[in-house]
C-alpha atoms as a PDB file:
ATOM      1  CA  MET A   1     143.392 -15.585  21.245  1.00  0.00           C
ATOM      2  CA  LYS A   2     140.958 -16.383  24.042  1.00  0.00           C
ATOM      3  CA  ARG A   3     142.188 -13.381  25.986  1.00  0.00           C
ATOM      4  CA  THR A   4     141.391 -11.080  23.099  1.00  0.00           C
ATOM      5  CA  ARG A   5     137.840 -12.404  22.827  1.00  0.00           C
ATOM      6  CA  ARG A   6     137.345 -12.092  26.573  1.00  0.00           C
ATOM      7  CA  ASN A   7     138.621  -8.524  26.561  1.00  0.00           C
ATOM      8  CA  ARG A   8     136.322  -7.667  23.668  1.00  0.00           C
ATOM      9  CA  GLY A   9     133.463  -9.281  25.554  1.00  0.00           C
ATOM     10  CA  ARG A  10     134.240  -7.279  28.679  1.00  0.00           C
ATOM     11  CA  LYS A  11     134.429  -4.054  26.699  1.00  0.00           C
ATOM     12  CA  ALA A  12     131.180  -4.901  24.954  1.00  0.00           C
ATOM     13  CA  ASN A  13     129.560  -5.661  28.317  1.00  0.00           C
ATOM     14  CA  ALA A  14     130.784  -2.360  29.746  1.00  0.00           C
ATOM     15  CA  ALA A  15     129.491  -0.470  26.709  1.00  0.00           C
ATOM     16  CA  GLU A  16     126.121  -2.214  26.864  1.00  0.00           C
ATOM     17  CA  TYR A  17     125.874  -1.449  30.582  1.00  0.00           C
ATOM     18  CA  ALA A  18     126.709   2.221  30.000  1.00  0.00           C
ATOM     19  CA  ASP A  19     124.195   2.442  27.157  1.00  0.00           C
ATOM     20  CA  ALA A  20     121.452   0.862  29.263  1.00  0.00           C
ATOM     21  CA  ARG A  21     122.230   3.142  32.210  1.00  0.00           C
ATOM     22  CA  ASN A  22     122.107   6.234  29.963  1.00  0.00           C
ATOM     23  CA  ASP A  23     118.817   5.067  28.458  1.00  0.00           C
ATOM     24  CA  ILE A  24     117.359   4.647  31.941  1.00  0.00           C
ATOM     25  CA  ALA A  25     118.461   8.159  32.919  1.00  0.00           C
ATOM     26  CA  ARG A  26     116.805   9.557  29.787  1.00  0.00           C
ATOM     27  CA  LEU A  27     113.638   7.577  30.454  1.00  0.00           C
ATOM     28  CA  ILE A  28     113.484   8.951  33.995  1.00  0.00           C
ATOM     29  CA  ASP A  29     113.707  12.474  32.543  1.00  0.00           C
ATOM     30  CA  VAL A  30     110.951  11.666  30.048  1.00  0.00           C
ATOM     31  CA  LEU A  31     108.827  10.183  32.835  1.00  0.00           C
ATOM     32  CA  GLN A  32     109.096  13.439  34.796  1.00  0.00           C
ATOM     33  CA  MET A  33     108.055  15.446  31.729  1.00  0.00           C
ATOM     34  CA  GLU A  34     105.118  13.106  31.092  1.00  0.00           C
ATOM     35  CA  LEU A  35     104.058  13.330  34.744  1.00  0.00           C
ATOM     36  CA  ASP A  36     104.070  17.121  34.451  1.00  0.00           C
ATOM     37  CA  LYS A  37     101.935  16.967  31.278  1.00  0.00           C
ATOM     38  CA  HIS A  38      99.566  14.476  32.916  1.00  0.00           C
ATOM     39  CA  HIS A  39      99.228  16.779  35.916  1.00  0.00           C
ATOM     40  CA  GLU A  40      98.255  19.675  33.651  1.00  0.00           C
ATOM     41  CA  LEU A  41      95.659  17.527  31.871  1.00  0.00           C
ATOM     42  CA  ALA A  42      94.220  16.239  35.134  1.00  0.00           C
ATOM     43  CA  ALA A  43      93.993  19.650  36.804  1.00  0.00           C
ATOM     44  CA  GLY A  44      90.436  20.165  37.966  1.00  0.00           C
ATOM     45  CA  LEU A  45      89.227  16.889  36.446  1.00  0.00           C
ATOM     46  CA  VAL A  46      90.425  14.352  39.013  1.00  0.00           C
ATOM     47  CA  GLU A  47      87.260  14.667  41.107  1.00  0.00           C
ATOM     48  CA  ARG A  48      85.110  13.737  38.104  1.00  0.00           C
ATOM     49  CA  ASN A  49      87.413  11.394  36.229  1.00  0.00           C
ATOM     50  CA  TRP A  50      89.088   8.571  38.136  1.00  0.00           C
ATOM     51  CA  GLY A  51      90.973   7.602  34.981  1.00  0.00           C
ATOM     52  CA  TYR A  52      93.733  10.053  35.840  1.00  0.00           C
ATOM     53  CA  VAL A  53      94.144   8.455  39.263  1.00  0.00           C
ATOM     54  CA  GLY A  54      94.197   5.020  37.633  1.00  0.00           C
ATOM     55  CA  ASP A  55      96.934   6.149  35.249  1.00  0.00           C
ATOM     56  CA  LEU A  56      99.182   7.195  38.116  1.00  0.00           C
ATOM     57  CA  LYS A  57      98.403   4.105  40.177  1.00  0.00           C
ATOM     58  CA  GLU A  58      99.521   1.963  37.226  1.00  0.00           C
ATOM     59  CA  VAL A  59     102.764   3.933  36.847  1.00  0.00           C
ATOM     60  CA  ARG A  60     103.307   3.729  40.612  1.00  0.00           C
ATOM     61  CA  SER A  61     102.807  -0.026  40.591  1.00  0.00           C
ATOM     62  CA  ASN A  62     105.310  -0.438  37.762  1.00  0.00           C
ATOM     63  CA  LEU A  63     107.831   1.752  39.583  1.00  0.00           C
ATOM     64  CA  LEU A  64     107.388  -0.209  42.820  1.00  0.00           C
ATOM     65  CA  ASN A  65     108.192  -3.401  40.940  1.00  0.00           C
ATOM     66  CA  THR A  66     111.148  -1.797  39.187  1.00  0.00           C
ATOM     67  CA  VAL A  67     112.632  -0.491  42.448  1.00  0.00           C
ATOM     68  CA  ALA A  68     112.089  -3.867  44.130  1.00  0.00           C
ATOM     69  CA  PHE A  69     113.835  -5.592  41.222  1.00  0.00           C
ATOM     70  CA  ILE A  70     116.875  -3.313  40.992  1.00  0.00           C
ATOM     71  CA  SER A  71     117.347  -3.037  44.769  1.00  0.00           C
ATOM     72  CA  GLY A  72     116.793  -6.692  45.570  1.00  0.00           C
ATOM     73  CA  MET A  73     114.189  -5.653  48.131  1.00  0.00           C
ATOM     74  CA  GLU A  74     110.856  -7.344  48.571  1.00  0.00           C
ATOM     75  CA  LEU A  75     107.892  -5.422  47.244  1.00  0.00           C
ATOM     76  CA  ASP A  76     106.432  -4.999  50.734  1.00  0.00           C
ATOM     77  CA  GLU A  77     109.743  -3.473  51.912  1.00  0.00           C
ATOM     78  CA  VAL A  78     109.544  -0.860  49.170  1.00  0.00           C
ATOM     79  CA  GLN A  79     105.925  -0.193  50.102  1.00  0.00           C
ATOM     80  CA  ARG A  80     106.871   0.237  53.780  1.00  0.00           C
ATOM     81  CA  PHE A  81     109.577   2.698  52.714  1.00  0.00           C
ATOM     82  CA  LEU A  82     106.940   4.774  50.889  1.00  0.00           C
ATOM     83  CA  ASP A  83     104.519   4.514  53.794  1.00  0.00           C
ATOM     84  CA  ASP A  84     107.191   5.740  56.209  1.00  0.00           C
ATOM     85  CA  ALA A  85     108.168   8.585  53.904  1.00  0.00           C
ATOM     86  CA  ASN A  86     104.521   9.612  53.467  1.00  0.00           C
ATOM     87  CA  GLU A  87     104.003   9.644  57.243  1.00  0.00           C
ATOM     88  CA  ASN A  88     106.894  12.081  57.572  1.00  0.00           C
ATOM     89  CA  ASP A  89     105.554  14.478  54.910  1.00  0.00           C
END
């Protein structure tokens, strides 16, 4: 009987994991669409309205924390990665 419960628990865990992973993939797609919309709204206004910059800096900060969390990296390591990538652009 314990085996059956454990197996059900494992299957439930696997299903929950798959659901969460799919949700994250969808949210990443939505984020890209929202970034595109934000870019269209901000076009030509960024010089006069720092609010658009603030919006993206907030999203960036949240993403830095999310990447640090999921990767197990320190926040400053993630920041160095971005700095290095930006130097090469």
